């Protein structure tokens, strides 16, 4: 997965952290958790706040 695979990242994060409410995840943890996903293989430096916001929003939608 890449940073641009927003919905797939959200699904993977929901699966990896089922007890976490994504509304309360800070961006530092979110970035670390994305980097720790087994299928993630993008450059860590290509991530910015807008991407993290989009991932968090998609994760919130996924769990609702």
N, C-alpha and C. Protein backbone atom coordinates (compact mmCIF):
# COMPACT_ATOMS: atom_id res chain seq x y z
N UNK A 1 0.83 -1.18 0.00
CA UNK A 1 0.00 0.00 0.00
C UNK A 1 0.88 1.25 0.00
N UNK A 2 0.30 2.29 -0.52
CA UNK A 2 0.95 3.60 -0.57
C UNK A 2 0.14 4.59 0.26
N UNK A 3 0.71 5.76 0.50
CA UNK A 3 0.02 6.81 1.25
C UNK A 3 -1.30 7.17 0.59
N UNK A 4 -1.39 7.05 -0.72
CA UNK A 4 -2.59 7.44 -1.44
C UNK A 4 -3.70 6.38 -1.38
N UNK A 5 -3.42 5.23 -0.84
CA UNK A 5 -4.43 4.17 -0.70
C UNK A 5 -5.23 4.39 0.59
N UNK A 6 -5.88 5.53 0.66
CA UNK A 6 -6.52 6.01 1.88
C UNK A 6 -7.50 4.98 2.46
N UNK A 7 -8.41 4.50 1.63
CA UNK A 7 -9.45 3.60 2.14
C UNK A 7 -8.89 2.25 2.57
N UNK A 8 -7.94 1.74 1.82
CA UNK A 8 -7.33 0.47 2.20
C UNK A 8 -6.53 0.62 3.50
N UNK A 9 -5.86 1.74 3.65
CA UNK A 9 -5.14 2.00 4.91
C UNK A 9 -6.12 2.07 6.07
N UNK A 10 -7.26 2.73 5.87
CA UNK A 10 -8.26 2.84 6.93
C UNK A 10 -8.78 1.46 7.34
N UNK A 11 -9.05 0.61 6.37
CA UNK A 11 -9.52 -0.75 6.65
C UNK A 11 -8.46 -1.52 7.42
N UNK A 12 -7.22 -1.42 6.98
CA UNK A 12 -6.13 -2.13 7.65
C UNK A 12 -5.93 -1.64 9.08
N UNK A 13 -6.02 -0.33 9.28
CA UNK A 13 -5.88 0.23 10.62
C UNK A 13 -7.03 -0.22 11.53
N UNK A 14 -8.24 -0.25 10.99
CA UNK A 14 -9.39 -0.70 11.77
C UNK A 14 -9.21 -2.16 12.19
N UNK A 15 -8.67 -2.98 11.28
CA UNK A 15 -8.41 -4.38 11.60
C UNK A 15 -7.29 -4.54 12.62
N UNK A 16 -6.25 -3.72 12.48
CA UNK A 16 -5.08 -3.83 13.35
C UNK A 16 -5.32 -3.25 14.74
N UNK A 17 -6.23 -2.30 14.85
CA UNK A 17 -6.47 -1.61 16.13
C UNK A 17 -7.98 -1.52 16.40
N UNK A 18 -8.62 -2.68 16.59
CA UNK A 18 -10.09 -2.68 16.72
C UNK A 18 -10.63 -1.96 17.96
N UNK A 19 -9.84 -1.84 18.99
CA UNK A 19 -10.31 -1.21 20.22
C UNK A 19 -10.06 0.30 20.25
N UNK A 20 -9.45 0.84 19.21
CA UNK A 20 -9.08 2.25 19.18
C UNK A 20 -10.18 3.08 18.51
N UNK A 21 -10.53 4.20 19.13
CA UNK A 21 -11.45 5.16 18.52
C UNK A 21 -10.59 6.12 17.69
N UNK A 22 -10.72 6.06 16.36
CA UNK A 22 -9.84 6.86 15.50
C UNK A 22 -10.01 8.36 15.66
N UNK A 23 -11.11 8.80 16.27
CA UNK A 23 -11.30 10.24 16.48
C UNK A 23 -10.28 10.80 17.45
N UNK A 24 -9.68 9.95 18.27
CA UNK A 24 -8.77 10.41 19.32
C UNK A 24 -7.31 10.03 19.07
N UNK A 25 -7.01 9.58 17.86
CA UNK A 25 -5.63 9.19 17.53
C UNK A 25 -4.88 10.43 17.05
N UNK A 26 -3.72 10.68 17.66
CA UNK A 26 -2.92 11.82 17.20
C UNK A 26 -2.14 11.42 15.94
N UNK A 27 -1.71 12.40 15.21
CA UNK A 27 -1.08 12.14 13.91
C UNK A 27 0.26 11.43 14.03
N UNK A 28 0.97 11.63 15.12
CA UNK A 28 2.25 10.93 15.32
C UNK A 28 1.99 9.43 15.42
N UNK A 29 1.02 9.04 16.25
CA UNK A 29 0.68 7.62 16.37
C UNK A 29 0.12 7.08 15.07
N UNK A 30 -0.75 7.84 14.43
CA UNK A 30 -1.35 7.39 13.17
C UNK A 30 -0.27 7.09 12.13
N UNK A 31 0.67 7.99 11.99
CA UNK A 31 1.76 7.80 11.04
C UNK A 31 2.57 6.54 11.39
N UNK A 32 2.88 6.38 12.66
CA UNK A 32 3.65 5.21 13.10
C UNK A 32 2.88 3.92 12.83
N UNK A 33 1.58 3.93 13.07
CA UNK A 33 0.77 2.73 12.85
C UNK A 33 0.68 2.39 11.37
N UNK A 34 0.57 3.41 10.51
CA UNK A 34 0.56 3.15 9.07
C UNK A 34 1.89 2.53 8.65
N UNK A 35 2.99 3.11 9.12
CA UNK A 35 4.30 2.59 8.77
C UNK A 35 4.50 1.15 9.25
N UNK A 36 3.82 0.77 10.32
CA UNK A 36 3.95 -0.57 10.87
C UNK A 36 3.08 -1.61 10.17
N UNK A 37 2.16 -1.16 9.32
CA UNK A 37 1.31 -2.12 8.62
C UNK A 37 2.15 -3.00 7.70
N UNK A 38 1.86 -4.28 7.72
CA UNK A 38 2.66 -5.26 6.97
C UNK A 38 2.69 -4.98 5.47
N UNK A 39 1.57 -4.55 4.91
CA UNK A 39 1.48 -4.33 3.46
C UNK A 39 1.88 -2.93 3.01
N UNK A 40 2.27 -2.09 3.96
CA UNK A 40 2.64 -0.72 3.60
C UNK A 40 4.07 -0.69 3.09
N UNK A 41 4.26 -0.06 1.93
CA UNK A 41 5.61 -0.03 1.35
C UNK A 41 5.88 1.27 0.59
N UNK A 42 5.57 2.38 1.21
CA UNK A 42 5.81 3.68 0.59
C UNK A 42 6.88 4.43 1.39
N UNK A 43 7.35 5.50 0.81
CA UNK A 43 8.37 6.33 1.45
C UNK A 43 7.77 7.06 2.65
N UNK A 44 8.32 6.87 3.85
CA UNK A 44 7.79 7.56 5.03
C UNK A 44 7.80 9.08 4.91
N UNK A 45 8.69 9.60 4.09
CA UNK A 45 8.79 11.04 3.93
C UNK A 45 7.72 11.65 3.05
N UNK A 46 6.93 10.83 2.39
CA UNK A 46 5.89 11.34 1.49
C UNK A 46 4.55 11.56 2.19
N UNK A 47 4.58 11.63 3.48
CA UNK A 47 3.35 11.79 4.25
C UNK A 47 3.29 13.20 4.81
N UNK A 48 2.10 13.78 4.72
CA UNK A 48 1.88 15.09 5.30
C UNK A 48 0.59 15.11 6.09
N UNK A 49 0.29 16.25 6.66
CA UNK A 49 -0.89 16.39 7.51
C UNK A 49 -2.19 16.11 6.75
N UNK A 50 -2.26 16.55 5.50
CA UNK A 50 -3.49 16.32 4.71
C UNK A 50 -3.73 14.84 4.47
N UNK A 51 -2.69 14.10 4.22
CA UNK A 51 -2.84 12.65 4.03
C UNK A 51 -3.29 11.99 5.33
N UNK A 52 -2.69 12.37 6.43
CA UNK A 52 -3.08 11.80 7.72
C UNK A 52 -4.52 12.16 8.07
N UNK A 53 -4.93 13.38 7.76
CA UNK A 53 -6.33 13.78 7.99
C UNK A 53 -7.27 12.91 7.17
N UNK A 54 -6.92 12.65 5.92
CA UNK A 54 -7.76 11.83 5.05
C UNK A 54 -7.83 10.39 5.55
N UNK A 55 -6.71 9.86 6.00
CA UNK A 55 -6.69 8.49 6.54
C UNK A 55 -7.55 8.42 7.79
N UNK A 56 -7.41 9.39 8.67
CA UNK A 56 -8.20 9.40 9.90
C UNK A 56 -9.69 9.50 9.59
N UNK A 57 -10.07 10.36 8.67
CA UNK A 57 -11.48 10.51 8.30
C UNK A 57 -12.03 9.21 7.71
N UNK A 58 -11.26 8.56 6.86
CA UNK A 58 -11.69 7.29 6.27
C UNK A 58 -11.80 6.21 7.34
N UNK A 59 -10.91 6.21 8.29
CA UNK A 59 -10.95 5.23 9.39
C UNK A 59 -12.20 5.45 10.24
N UNK A 60 -12.52 6.70 10.51
CA UNK A 60 -13.73 7.01 11.28
C UNK A 60 -14.96 6.49 10.53
N UNK A 61 -15.02 6.73 9.22
CA UNK A 61 -16.14 6.22 8.41
C UNK A 61 -16.19 4.70 8.45
N UNK A 62 -15.03 4.07 8.42
CA UNK A 62 -14.96 2.61 8.40
C UNK A 62 -15.54 2.00 9.67
N UNK A 63 -15.31 2.60 10.81
CA UNK A 63 -15.78 2.02 12.06
C UNK A 63 -17.21 2.41 12.41
N UNK A 64 -17.76 3.40 11.70
CA UNK A 64 -19.13 3.82 12.01
C UNK A 64 -20.16 3.03 11.28
